[in-house]
Amino acid sequence: MTQEFSNFGDNAVVTMQANANIPEGMGIEGWYHIVCRDKDGNIKWEEETPNLVVAVGKQLMLNTLLYTASGYTLVGPYLGLISNTFTASASDTMASHSWTEFTNYTVLVGSTPTAQRGTAVFNTSTSTGSTPANITSCTANAITYSITGSGGTVYGCFLVTGSGAVATFSSTAGTLYSEGLFGTAKTTTAGDTVSVTYSTTATS
């Protein structure tokens, strides 16, 4: 008797290489640049401090940029001063935060000194292009705060915008966009002027 044995087998190895692109990341940062002058125009102090763009501020930014049903209309933005030390938190909102607002100042509304927050008027953004990196910046015109009453100590700045935001001191309406604490608290007296410039930069 003859026995015939046969073996059959298949073996397949598949490899694939994909031309995968690395996602383009983007970081957003902002800066408050503050200069205080006395009644004679002499510089008393100068400070530049980064800010934290809080969670609700980021949501507002993306909703108004990408969410076509938002029907967003620019409100403000209003830039206020802070009168106590605090720890910035991404969960801060206008209704819930650990700082209080500094209110011993006026700003010009037209030609009238008015006790209210300053309005940040931003210029058209500019970009460096793609070499060596794309840096797009947007800067607001400087706002001048004329210190009144007993003056006081300024610890930082905040920016509020969004539906319901107002220039009224201590209002909790609107959406808190950003907040920043100075490295060192700054003292002001009546007759001083504090000039604040806000700028924001997106880098990729």
N, C-alpha and C. Protein backbone atom coordinates (compact mmCIF):
# COMPACT_ATOMS: atom_id res chain seq x y z
N MET A 1 0.86 -1.18 0.00
CA MET A 1 0.00 0.00 0.00
C MET A 1 0.89 1.23 0.00
N THR A 2 0.47 2.14 -0.81
CA THR A 2 1.23 3.38 -0.90
C THR A 2 0.47 4.49 -0.20
N GLN A 3 1.14 5.20 0.72
CA GLN A 3 0.54 6.35 1.42
C GLN A 3 1.17 7.63 0.93
N GLU A 4 0.34 8.56 0.50
CA GLU A 4 0.84 9.84 -0.04
C GLU A 4 0.46 10.97 0.90
N PHE A 5 1.43 11.69 1.32
CA PHE A 5 1.20 12.82 2.24
C PHE A 5 1.42 14.13 1.50
N SER A 6 0.50 15.02 1.68
CA SER A 6 0.65 16.35 1.07
C SER A 6 0.43 17.41 2.14
N ASN A 7 1.23 18.43 2.15
CA ASN A 7 1.09 19.56 3.07
C ASN A 7 0.85 20.84 2.28
N PHE A 8 -0.16 21.58 2.71
CA PHE A 8 -0.46 22.85 2.05
C PHE A 8 -0.44 23.96 3.11
N GLY A 9 0.08 25.07 2.79
CA GLY A 9 0.09 26.18 3.74
C GLY A 9 0.16 27.51 3.02
N ASP A 10 -0.45 28.49 3.63
CA ASP A 10 -0.41 29.86 3.11
C ASP A 10 0.15 30.76 4.19
N ASN A 11 0.93 31.69 3.79
CA ASN A 11 1.47 32.66 4.75
C ASN A 11 1.51 34.01 4.05
N ALA A 12 0.90 34.98 4.67
CA ALA A 12 0.90 36.31 4.06
C ALA A 12 1.30 37.34 5.10
N VAL A 13 2.16 38.22 4.72
CA VAL A 13 2.58 39.33 5.58
C VAL A 13 2.25 40.62 4.85
N VAL A 14 1.46 41.44 5.49
CA VAL A 14 1.05 42.69 4.87
C VAL A 14 1.60 43.85 5.69
N THR A 15 2.26 44.75 5.04
CA THR A 15 2.74 45.97 5.70
C THR A 15 2.22 47.16 4.92
N MET A 16 1.95 48.21 5.65
CA MET A 16 1.45 49.43 4.98
C MET A 16 2.14 50.64 5.59
N GLN A 17 2.54 51.51 4.76
CA GLN A 17 3.10 52.77 5.19
C GLN A 17 2.20 53.88 4.69
N ALA A 18 1.74 54.71 5.62
CA ALA A 18 0.85 55.81 5.25
C ALA A 18 1.60 57.13 5.38
N ASN A 19 1.31 58.00 4.47
CA ASN A 19 1.91 59.34 4.50
C ASN A 19 1.10 60.19 5.48
N ALA A 20 1.34 59.96 6.79
CA ALA A 20 0.55 60.64 7.83
C ALA A 20 1.15 62.01 8.12
N ASN A 21 0.29 62.98 8.20
CA ASN A 21 0.72 64.33 8.54
C ASN A 21 0.56 64.58 10.03
N ILE A 22 1.50 65.26 10.61
CA ILE A 22 1.40 65.65 12.02
C ILE A 22 0.42 66.81 12.12
N PRO A 23 -0.58 66.70 13.00
CA PRO A 23 -1.55 67.80 13.13
C PRO A 23 -0.85 69.10 13.50
N GLU A 24 -1.37 70.17 12.95
CA GLU A 24 -0.80 71.48 13.27
C GLU A 24 -1.40 71.97 14.58
N GLY A 25 -0.57 72.15 15.57
CA GLY A 25 -1.05 72.62 16.87
C GLY A 25 -1.02 74.13 16.92
N MET A 26 -1.80 74.67 17.83
CA MET A 26 -1.82 76.12 17.98
C MET A 26 -1.91 76.47 19.45
N GLY A 27 -1.04 77.33 19.89
CA GLY A 27 -1.11 77.83 21.26
C GLY A 27 -1.51 79.29 21.24
N ILE A 28 -2.34 79.69 22.20
CA ILE A 28 -2.79 81.08 22.28
C ILE A 28 -2.35 81.66 23.61
N GLU A 29 -1.72 82.80 23.55
CA GLU A 29 -1.31 83.49 24.77
C GLU A 29 -1.61 84.97 24.65
N GLY A 30 -1.74 85.61 25.78
CA GLY A 30 -2.01 87.04 25.79
C GLY A 30 -1.13 87.75 26.79
N TRP A 31 -1.01 89.05 26.61
CA TRP A 31 -0.16 89.85 27.49
C TRP A 31 -0.86 91.16 27.82
N TYR A 32 -0.72 91.56 29.09
CA TYR A 32 -1.12 92.90 29.50
C TYR A 32 0.15 93.72 29.69
N HIS A 33 0.23 94.87 29.02
CA HIS A 33 1.36 95.78 29.19
C HIS A 33 0.82 97.04 29.86
N ILE A 34 1.32 97.35 31.05
CA ILE A 34 0.77 98.42 31.87
C ILE A 34 1.87 99.42 32.22
N VAL A 35 1.56 100.70 32.04
CA VAL A 35 2.49 101.78 32.41
C VAL A 35 1.74 102.77 33.29
N CYS A 36 2.30 103.08 34.47
CA CYS A 36 1.70 104.07 35.37
C CYS A 36 2.56 105.34 35.38
N ARG A 37 1.90 106.49 35.17
CA ARG A 37 2.59 107.77 35.22
C ARG A 37 1.97 108.66 36.29
N ASP A 38 2.78 109.50 36.92
CA ASP A 38 2.25 110.43 37.91
C ASP A 38 1.60 111.62 37.20
N LYS A 39 1.10 112.58 37.98
CA LYS A 39 0.38 113.72 37.42
C LYS A 39 1.24 114.57 36.50
N ASP A 40 2.57 114.44 36.61
CA ASP A 40 3.48 115.21 35.76
C ASP A 40 3.95 114.41 34.54
N GLY A 41 3.45 113.19 34.39
CA GLY A 41 3.80 112.38 33.23
C GLY A 41 5.02 111.50 33.41
N ASN A 42 5.62 111.51 34.60
CA ASN A 42 6.80 110.68 34.85
C ASN A 42 6.37 109.22 35.11
N ILE A 43 7.11 108.29 34.55
CA ILE A 43 6.79 106.87 34.74
C ILE A 43 7.09 106.46 36.18
N LYS A 44 6.07 105.94 36.88
CA LYS A 44 6.24 105.43 38.24
C LYS A 44 6.58 103.95 38.24
N TRP A 45 5.92 103.21 37.37
CA TRP A 45 6.22 101.78 37.23
C TRP A 45 5.68 101.27 35.90
N GLU A 46 6.21 100.13 35.51
CA GLU A 46 5.80 99.50 34.26
C GLU A 46 5.79 97.99 34.47
N GLU A 47 4.82 97.32 33.89
CA GLU A 47 4.67 95.88 34.10
C GLU A 47 4.17 95.23 32.82
N GLU A 48 4.68 94.04 32.52
CA GLU A 48 4.14 93.23 31.43
C GLU A 48 3.90 91.84 31.98
N THR A 49 2.68 91.38 31.88
CA THR A 49 2.35 90.10 32.49
C THR A 49 1.52 89.24 31.55
N PRO A 50 1.77 87.93 31.53
CA PRO A 50 0.95 87.04 30.71
C PRO A 50 -0.42 86.85 31.35
N ASN A 51 -1.37 86.36 30.58
CA ASN A 51 -2.69 86.10 31.13
C ASN A 51 -3.08 84.65 30.90
N LEU A 52 -4.09 84.22 31.64
CA LEU A 52 -4.68 82.91 31.44
C LEU A 52 -5.99 83.08 30.68
N VAL A 53 -6.10 82.45 29.52
CA VAL A 53 -7.38 82.41 28.81
C VAL A 53 -8.17 81.27 29.43
N VAL A 54 -9.25 81.60 30.13
CA VAL A 54 -10.01 80.61 30.90
C VAL A 54 -10.86 79.74 29.98
N ALA A 55 -11.43 78.66 30.53
CA ALA A 55 -12.18 77.69 29.72
C ALA A 55 -13.34 78.33 28.98
N VAL A 56 -14.14 79.15 29.68
CA VAL A 56 -15.30 79.75 29.01
C VAL A 56 -14.86 80.75 27.94
N GLY A 57 -13.69 81.36 28.12
CA GLY A 57 -13.15 82.25 27.10
C GLY A 57 -12.78 81.49 25.83
N LYS A 58 -12.17 80.30 26.00
CA LYS A 58 -11.82 79.48 24.84
C LYS A 58 -13.07 78.99 24.13
N GLN A 59 -14.08 78.62 24.89
CA GLN A 59 -15.32 78.17 24.28
C GLN A 59 -15.95 79.29 23.46
N LEU A 60 -15.96 80.49 24.01
CA LEU A 60 -16.51 81.63 23.28
C LEU A 60 -15.75 81.87 21.99
N MET A 61 -14.44 81.80 22.06
CA MET A 61 -13.60 82.04 20.89
C MET A 61 -13.92 81.04 19.78
N LEU A 62 -14.00 79.75 20.11
CA LEU A 62 -14.26 78.74 19.10
C LEU A 62 -15.70 78.80 18.60
N ASN A 63 -16.64 79.06 19.48
CA ASN A 63 -18.04 79.15 19.05
C ASN A 63 -18.26 80.30 18.08
N THR A 64 -17.64 81.43 18.36
CA THR A 64 -17.87 82.60 17.50
C THR A 64 -17.09 82.48 16.19
N LEU A 65 -16.00 81.71 16.21
CA LEU A 65 -15.20 81.54 15.00
C LEU A 65 -15.75 80.44 14.10
N LEU A 66 -16.21 79.34 14.71
CA LEU A 66 -16.54 78.15 13.94
C LEU A 66 -18.01 77.76 13.95
N TYR A 67 -18.75 78.21 14.94
CA TYR A 67 -20.14 77.79 15.07
C TYR A 67 -21.04 78.81 14.41
N THR A 68 -21.46 78.50 13.18
CA THR A 68 -22.15 79.49 12.36
C THR A 68 -23.52 79.88 12.90
N ALA A 69 -24.10 79.03 13.73
CA ALA A 69 -25.44 79.33 14.26
C ALA A 69 -25.39 80.24 15.49
N SER A 70 -24.18 80.64 15.91
CA SER A 70 -24.08 81.41 17.14
C SER A 70 -24.67 82.81 17.01
N GLY A 71 -24.62 83.38 15.79
CA GLY A 71 -25.14 84.73 15.59
C GLY A 71 -24.45 85.74 16.47
N TYR A 72 -23.16 85.57 16.67
CA TYR A 72 -22.43 86.39 17.64
C TYR A 72 -22.24 87.83 17.18
N THR A 73 -22.45 88.75 18.09
CA THR A 73 -22.18 90.17 17.87
C THR A 73 -21.16 90.61 18.91
N LEU A 74 -20.10 91.26 18.47
CA LEU A 74 -19.05 91.69 19.38
C LEU A 74 -19.60 92.63 20.45
N VAL A 75 -19.29 92.35 21.71
CA VAL A 75 -19.68 93.19 22.83
C VAL A 75 -18.42 93.60 23.58
N GLY A 76 -18.17 94.91 23.67
CA GLY A 76 -16.93 95.35 24.31
C GLY A 76 -15.77 95.18 23.33
N PRO A 77 -14.77 94.37 23.70
CA PRO A 77 -14.52 93.78 25.01
C PRO A 77 -14.16 94.86 26.03
N TYR A 78 -14.41 94.57 27.30
CA TYR A 78 -14.13 95.53 28.36
C TYR A 78 -12.96 95.04 29.21
N LEU A 79 -12.04 95.97 29.48
CA LEU A 79 -10.84 95.63 30.23
C LEU A 79 -10.91 96.30 31.59
N GLY A 80 -10.86 95.49 32.63
CA GLY A 80 -10.93 96.01 33.99
C GLY A 80 -9.66 95.73 34.78
N LEU A 81 -9.54 96.37 35.93
CA LEU A 81 -8.39 96.21 36.81
C LEU A 81 -8.79 95.41 38.05
N ILE A 82 -7.83 94.77 38.69
CA ILE A 82 -8.08 93.87 39.82
C ILE A 82 -7.41 94.42 41.08
N SER A 83 -8.11 94.32 42.22
CA SER A 83 -7.65 94.99 43.44
C SER A 83 -7.14 94.05 44.54
N ASN A 84 -6.93 92.79 44.23
CA ASN A 84 -6.40 91.88 45.25
C ASN A 84 -5.61 90.76 44.59
N THR A 85 -4.78 90.10 45.38
CA THR A 85 -4.03 88.97 44.84
C THR A 85 -4.97 87.79 44.64
N PHE A 86 -4.64 86.93 43.69
CA PHE A 86 -5.50 85.78 43.40
C PHE A 86 -4.70 84.73 42.65
N THR A 87 -5.27 83.56 42.54
CA THR A 87 -4.69 82.50 41.74
C THR A 87 -5.59 82.27 40.54
N ALA A 88 -5.07 82.51 39.36
CA ALA A 88 -5.86 82.34 38.14
C ALA A 88 -6.20 80.87 37.95
N SER A 89 -7.44 80.62 37.56
CA SER A 89 -7.91 79.26 37.35
C SER A 89 -8.66 79.18 36.03
N ALA A 90 -8.44 78.10 35.28
CA ALA A 90 -9.12 77.92 34.00
C ALA A 90 -10.64 77.82 34.19
N SER A 91 -11.10 77.50 35.40
CA SER A 91 -12.54 77.36 35.65
C SER A 91 -13.19 78.68 36.07
N ASP A 92 -12.43 79.76 36.15
CA ASP A 92 -12.98 81.05 36.55
C ASP A 92 -14.00 81.56 35.53
N THR A 93 -15.02 82.24 36.02
CA THR A 93 -16.01 82.90 35.18
C THR A 93 -16.26 84.28 35.78
N MET A 94 -17.07 85.10 35.12
CA MET A 94 -17.39 86.40 35.70
C MET A 94 -18.19 86.25 36.99
N ALA A 95 -18.95 85.18 37.10
CA ALA A 95 -19.77 84.97 38.30
C ALA A 95 -19.01 84.25 39.42
N SER A 96 -17.88 83.65 39.08
CA SER A 96 -17.16 82.85 40.07
C SER A 96 -15.65 82.99 39.88
N HIS A 97 -15.03 83.80 40.72
CA HIS A 97 -13.58 84.00 40.69
C HIS A 97 -13.15 84.53 42.05
N SER A 98 -11.85 84.54 42.30
CA SER A 98 -11.35 84.92 43.63
C SER A 98 -10.84 86.36 43.70
N TRP A 99 -10.99 87.14 42.62
CA TRP A 99 -10.52 88.52 42.66
C TRP A 99 -11.69 89.48 42.76
N THR A 100 -11.37 90.70 43.21
CA THR A 100 -12.34 91.80 43.24
C THR A 100 -11.85 92.90 42.31
N GLU A 101 -12.76 93.70 41.85
CA GLU A 101 -12.43 94.70 40.84
C GLU A 101 -11.97 96.01 41.47
N PHE A 102 -10.90 96.56 40.91
CA PHE A 102 -10.41 97.89 41.30
C PHE A 102 -11.23 98.93 40.55
N THR A 103 -11.79 99.90 41.29
CA THR A 103 -12.73 100.83 40.67
C THR A 103 -12.40 102.31 40.88
N ASN A 104 -11.27 102.62 41.46
CA ASN A 104 -10.94 104.04 41.70
C ASN A 104 -10.29 104.68 40.47
N TYR A 105 -11.07 104.79 39.39
CA TYR A 105 -10.55 105.41 38.18
C TYR A 105 -11.70 105.85 37.28
N THR A 106 -11.36 106.65 36.30
CA THR A 106 -12.28 106.98 35.21
C THR A 106 -11.57 106.73 33.89
N VAL A 107 -12.36 106.53 32.84
CA VAL A 107 -11.83 106.47 31.48
C VAL A 107 -12.63 107.47 30.64
N LEU A 108 -12.05 107.90 29.55
CA LEU A 108 -12.75 108.84 28.68
C LEU A 108 -13.76 108.11 27.82
N VAL A 109 -15.00 108.56 27.87
CA VAL A 109 -16.04 108.09 26.96
C VAL A 109 -16.38 109.30 26.10
N GLY A 110 -15.89 109.29 24.86
CA GLY A 110 -15.90 110.51 24.07
C GLY A 110 -14.89 111.46 24.70
N SER A 111 -15.34 112.57 25.21
CA SER A 111 -14.46 113.51 25.91
C SER A 111 -14.82 113.63 27.39
N THR A 112 -15.67 112.72 27.88
CA THR A 112 -16.16 112.80 29.25
C THR A 112 -15.52 111.74 30.14
N PRO A 113 -14.84 112.11 31.24
CA PRO A 113 -14.32 111.12 32.18
C PRO A 113 -15.48 110.37 32.83
N THR A 114 -15.47 109.06 32.72
CA THR A 114 -16.58 108.24 33.19
C THR A 114 -16.06 107.09 34.04
N ALA A 115 -16.73 106.82 35.16
CA ALA A 115 -16.34 105.73 36.04
C ALA A 115 -16.88 104.42 35.49
N GLN A 116 -16.11 103.75 34.66
CA GLN A 116 -16.48 102.46 34.08
C GLN A 116 -15.24 101.78 33.53
N ARG A 117 -15.38 100.51 33.17
CA ARG A 117 -14.28 99.77 32.56
C ARG A 117 -13.92 100.36 31.20
N GLY A 118 -12.66 100.18 30.80
CA GLY A 118 -12.24 100.64 29.49
C GLY A 118 -12.67 99.67 28.40
N THR A 119 -12.86 100.18 27.20
CA THR A 119 -13.21 99.33 26.05
C THR A 119 -11.96 99.06 25.23
N ALA A 120 -11.67 97.78 25.02
CA ALA A 120 -10.50 97.39 24.23
C ALA A 120 -10.87 97.36 22.76
N VAL A 121 -10.25 98.23 21.98
CA VAL A 121 -10.50 98.30 20.54
C VAL A 121 -9.32 97.65 19.83
N PHE A 122 -9.57 96.47 19.26
CA PHE A 122 -8.49 95.71 18.63
C PHE A 122 -8.29 96.12 17.18
N ASN A 123 -7.03 96.07 16.76
CA ASN A 123 -6.66 96.33 15.38
C ASN A 123 -6.68 95.02 14.59
N THR A 124 -6.63 95.09 13.28
CA THR A 124 -6.60 93.89 12.44
C THR A 124 -5.37 93.06 12.77
N SER A 125 -5.56 91.75 12.85
CA SER A 125 -4.44 90.86 13.18
C SER A 125 -3.42 90.82 12.05
N THR A 126 -2.19 90.51 12.41
CA THR A 126 -1.10 90.39 11.44
C THR A 126 -0.42 89.05 11.63
N SER A 127 0.20 88.53 10.56
CA SER A 127 0.85 87.23 10.63
C SER A 127 2.25 87.31 10.04
N THR A 128 3.16 86.50 10.61
CA THR A 128 4.54 86.47 10.11
C THR A 128 4.70 85.51 8.94
N GLY A 129 3.65 84.77 8.60
CA GLY A 129 3.78 83.75 7.56
C GLY A 129 4.22 82.43 8.16
N SER A 130 4.97 81.64 7.43
CA SER A 130 5.29 80.28 7.88
C SER A 130 6.74 80.05 8.27
N THR A 131 7.58 81.07 8.18
CA THR A 131 9.00 80.88 8.46
C THR A 131 9.47 81.86 9.54
N PRO A 132 10.10 81.39 10.63
CA PRO A 132 10.31 79.96 10.97
C PRO A 132 9.07 79.32 11.57
N ALA A 133 8.14 80.11 12.04
CA ALA A 133 6.87 79.60 12.56
C ALA A 133 5.81 80.64 12.26
N ASN A 134 4.58 80.18 12.24
CA ASN A 134 3.48 81.10 12.01
C ASN A 134 3.09 81.75 13.32
N ILE A 135 3.23 83.07 13.39
CA ILE A 135 2.86 83.83 14.58
C ILE A 135 1.86 84.90 14.16
N THR A 136 0.66 84.80 14.65
CA THR A 136 -0.38 85.76 14.32
C THR A 136 -0.72 86.55 15.58
N SER A 137 -0.68 87.87 15.49
CA SER A 137 -0.88 88.73 16.65
C SER A 137 -2.00 89.73 16.43
N CYS A 138 -2.65 90.10 17.52
CA CYS A 138 -3.69 91.11 17.49
C CYS A 138 -3.55 91.96 18.74
N THR A 139 -3.49 93.26 18.58
CA THR A 139 -3.24 94.17 19.70
C THR A 139 -4.32 95.23 19.78
N ALA A 140 -4.76 95.51 20.99
CA ALA A 140 -5.75 96.56 21.20
C ALA A 140 -5.05 97.90 21.41
N ASN A 141 -5.74 98.98 21.10
CA ASN A 141 -5.21 100.30 21.41
C ASN A 141 -5.09 100.47 22.91
N ALA A 142 -4.12 101.25 23.34
CA ALA A 142 -3.92 101.48 24.77
C ALA A 142 -5.14 102.17 25.38
N ILE A 143 -5.51 101.74 26.59
CA ILE A 143 -6.60 102.37 27.34
C ILE A 143 -5.98 103.10 28.52
N THR A 144 -6.38 104.35 28.73
CA THR A 144 -5.84 105.14 29.83
C THR A 144 -6.86 105.23 30.97
N TYR A 145 -6.43 104.81 32.15
CA TYR A 145 -7.24 104.86 33.36
C TYR A 145 -6.71 105.99 34.25
N SER A 146 -7.56 106.96 34.55
CA SER A 146 -7.17 108.08 35.40
C SER A 146 -7.57 107.76 36.83
N ILE A 147 -6.58 107.62 37.70
CA ILE A 147 -6.81 107.19 39.08
C ILE A 147 -7.48 108.31 39.88
N THR A 148 -8.51 107.94 40.64
CA THR A 148 -9.30 108.91 41.41
C THR A 148 -9.35 108.51 42.88
N GLY A 149 -10.00 109.35 43.67
CA GLY A 149 -10.24 109.04 45.09
C GLY A 149 -8.96 108.78 45.84
N SER A 150 -8.94 107.68 46.58
CA SER A 150 -7.77 107.34 47.39
C SER A 150 -6.77 106.49 46.63
N GLY A 151 -7.01 106.28 45.33
CA GLY A 151 -6.11 105.42 44.57
C GLY A 151 -6.20 104.00 45.09
N GLY A 152 -5.06 103.35 45.19
CA GLY A 152 -5.05 101.98 45.71
C GLY A 152 -4.05 101.11 44.99
N THR A 153 -4.06 99.84 45.34
CA THR A 153 -3.11 98.88 44.78
C THR A 153 -3.78 98.08 43.68
N VAL A 154 -3.08 97.97 42.54
CA VAL A 154 -3.57 97.21 41.40
C VAL A 154 -2.77 95.91 41.31
N TYR A 155 -3.48 94.80 41.21
CA TYR A 155 -2.83 93.49 41.21
C TYR A 155 -2.84 92.81 39.84
N GLY A 156 -3.72 93.26 38.95
CA GLY A 156 -3.79 92.59 37.66
C GLY A 156 -4.89 93.16 36.79
N CYS A 157 -5.22 92.44 35.72
CA CYS A 157 -6.23 92.88 34.75
C CYS A 157 -7.09 91.70 34.33
N PHE A 158 -8.26 92.03 33.77
CA PHE A 158 -9.11 91.00 33.19
C PHE A 158 -9.81 91.57 31.96
N LEU A 159 -10.29 90.67 31.10
CA LEU A 159 -11.00 91.05 29.89
C LEU A 159 -12.32 90.29 29.85
N VAL A 160 -13.42 91.04 29.67
CA VAL A 160 -14.75 90.42 29.62
C VAL A 160 -15.44 90.82 28.32
N THR A 161 -16.14 89.87 27.71
CA THR A 161 -16.86 90.13 26.46
C THR A 161 -18.05 89.18 26.41
N GLY A 162 -18.63 88.99 25.24
CA GLY A 162 -19.75 88.07 25.10
C GLY A 162 -21.09 88.69 25.43
N SER A 163 -22.13 87.96 25.15
CA SER A 163 -23.49 88.44 25.36
C SER A 163 -23.72 88.87 26.80
N GLY A 164 -24.23 90.09 26.98
CA GLY A 164 -24.54 90.60 28.31
C GLY A 164 -23.43 91.39 28.96
N ALA A 165 -22.21 91.32 28.42
CA ALA A 165 -21.09 92.05 29.02
C ALA A 165 -21.36 93.54 29.00
N VAL A 166 -20.97 94.23 30.08
CA VAL A 166 -21.15 95.67 30.19
C VAL A 166 -19.90 96.29 30.77
N ALA A 167 -19.81 97.61 30.65
CA ALA A 167 -18.66 98.34 31.18
C ALA A 167 -18.83 98.68 32.66
N THR A 168 -19.97 98.41 33.22
CA THR A 168 -20.28 98.78 34.60
C THR A 168 -19.37 98.08 35.60
N PHE A 169 -18.82 98.85 36.54
CA PHE A 169 -17.96 98.28 37.58
C PHE A 169 -18.66 97.12 38.31
N SER A 170 -17.88 96.08 38.57
CA SER A 170 -18.31 94.94 39.40
C SER A 170 -19.45 94.12 38.81
N SER A 171 -19.84 94.37 37.57
CA SER A 171 -20.86 93.54 36.94
C SER A 171 -20.30 92.13 36.72
N THR A 172 -21.14 91.12 36.96
CA THR A 172 -20.73 89.74 36.72
C THR A 172 -21.30 89.20 35.42
N ALA A 173 -21.87 90.07 34.59
CA ALA A 173 -22.46 89.65 33.31
C ALA A 173 -21.38 89.46 32.26
N GLY A 174 -21.73 88.72 31.21
CA GLY A 174 -20.80 88.50 30.12
C GLY A 174 -19.91 87.30 30.37
N THR A 175 -18.96 87.09 29.46
CA THR A 175 -18.04 85.95 29.54
C THR A 175 -16.63 86.44 29.83
N LEU A 176 -16.06 85.93 30.92
CA LEU A 176 -14.67 86.24 31.24
C LEU A 176 -13.78 85.57 30.18
N TYR A 177 -12.98 86.39 29.48
CA TYR A 177 -12.08 85.84 28.47
C TYR A 177 -10.73 85.49 29.07
N SER A 178 -10.14 86.45 29.79
CA SER A 178 -8.81 86.21 30.34
C SER A 178 -8.60 87.02 31.60
N GLU A 179 -7.58 86.61 32.35
CA GLU A 179 -7.21 87.30 33.59
C GLU A 179 -5.71 87.14 33.79
N GLY A 180 -5.09 88.16 34.37
CA GLY A 180 -3.65 88.11 34.58
C GLY A 180 -3.25 88.80 35.86
N LEU A 181 -2.32 88.20 36.61
CA LEU A 181 -1.82 88.74 37.88
C LEU A 181 -0.42 89.29 37.68
N PHE A 182 -0.18 90.52 38.15
CA PHE A 182 1.15 91.11 38.07
C PHE A 182 2.14 90.29 38.90
N GLY A 183 3.41 90.35 38.54
CA GLY A 183 4.43 89.72 39.35
C GLY A 183 4.54 90.38 40.71
N THR A 184 4.34 91.71 40.74
CA THR A 184 4.37 92.49 41.97
C THR A 184 3.21 93.46 41.96
N ALA A 185 2.50 93.56 43.07
CA ALA A 185 1.38 94.49 43.17
C ALA A 185 1.88 95.93 42.98
N LYS A 186 1.05 96.78 42.36
CA LYS A 186 1.45 98.13 42.01
C LYS A 186 0.57 99.16 42.72
N THR A 187 1.21 100.16 43.32
CA THR A 187 0.49 101.19 44.06
C THR A 187 0.19 102.39 43.16
N THR A 188 -1.02 102.92 43.30
CA THR A 188 -1.41 104.12 42.56
C THR A 188 -1.95 105.15 43.53
N THR A 189 -1.87 106.42 43.15
CA THR A 189 -2.45 107.51 43.93
C THR A 189 -3.28 108.39 43.00
N ALA A 190 -4.18 109.16 43.57
CA ALA A 190 -5.04 110.04 42.78
C ALA A 190 -4.18 110.95 41.90
N GLY A 191 -4.56 111.11 40.65
CA GLY A 191 -3.81 111.92 39.71
C GLY A 191 -2.92 111.11 38.80
N ASP A 192 -2.63 109.84 39.18
CA ASP A 192 -1.86 108.96 38.30
C ASP A 192 -2.70 108.56 37.10
N THR A 193 -2.03 108.18 36.03
CA THR A 193 -2.70 107.55 34.89
C THR A 193 -2.06 106.19 34.65
N VAL A 194 -2.90 105.20 34.41
CA VAL A 194 -2.42 103.86 34.13
C VAL A 194 -2.84 103.49 32.71
N SER A 195 -1.86 103.22 31.86
CA SER A 195 -2.13 102.89 30.46
C SER A 195 -1.98 101.38 30.27
N VAL A 196 -3.01 100.73 29.75
CA VAL A 196 -2.99 99.28 29.58
C VAL A 196 -3.16 98.92 28.10
N THR A 197 -2.27 98.10 27.60
CA THR A 197 -2.35 97.57 26.24
C THR A 197 -2.46 96.06 26.31
N TYR A 198 -3.48 95.52 25.66
CA TYR A 198 -3.66 94.08 25.64
C TYR A 198 -3.33 93.54 24.25
N SER A 199 -2.55 92.45 24.22
CA SER A 199 -2.23 91.82 22.95
C SER A 199 -2.36 90.31 23.10
N THR A 200 -2.73 89.66 22.02
CA THR A 200 -2.86 88.21 22.04
C THR A 200 -2.16 87.64 20.82
N THR A 201 -1.55 86.47 20.97
CA THR A 201 -0.74 85.86 19.93
C THR A 201 -1.10 84.39 19.78
N ALA A 202 -1.29 83.94 18.56
CA ALA A 202 -1.49 82.53 18.25
C ALA A 202 -0.25 82.03 17.51
N THR A 203 0.35 80.95 17.98
CA THR A 203 1.59 80.43 17.40
C THR A 203 1.40 78.98 16.99
N SER A 204 1.90 78.66 15.80
CA SER A 204 1.86 77.26 15.37
C SER A 204 3.16 76.91 14.67
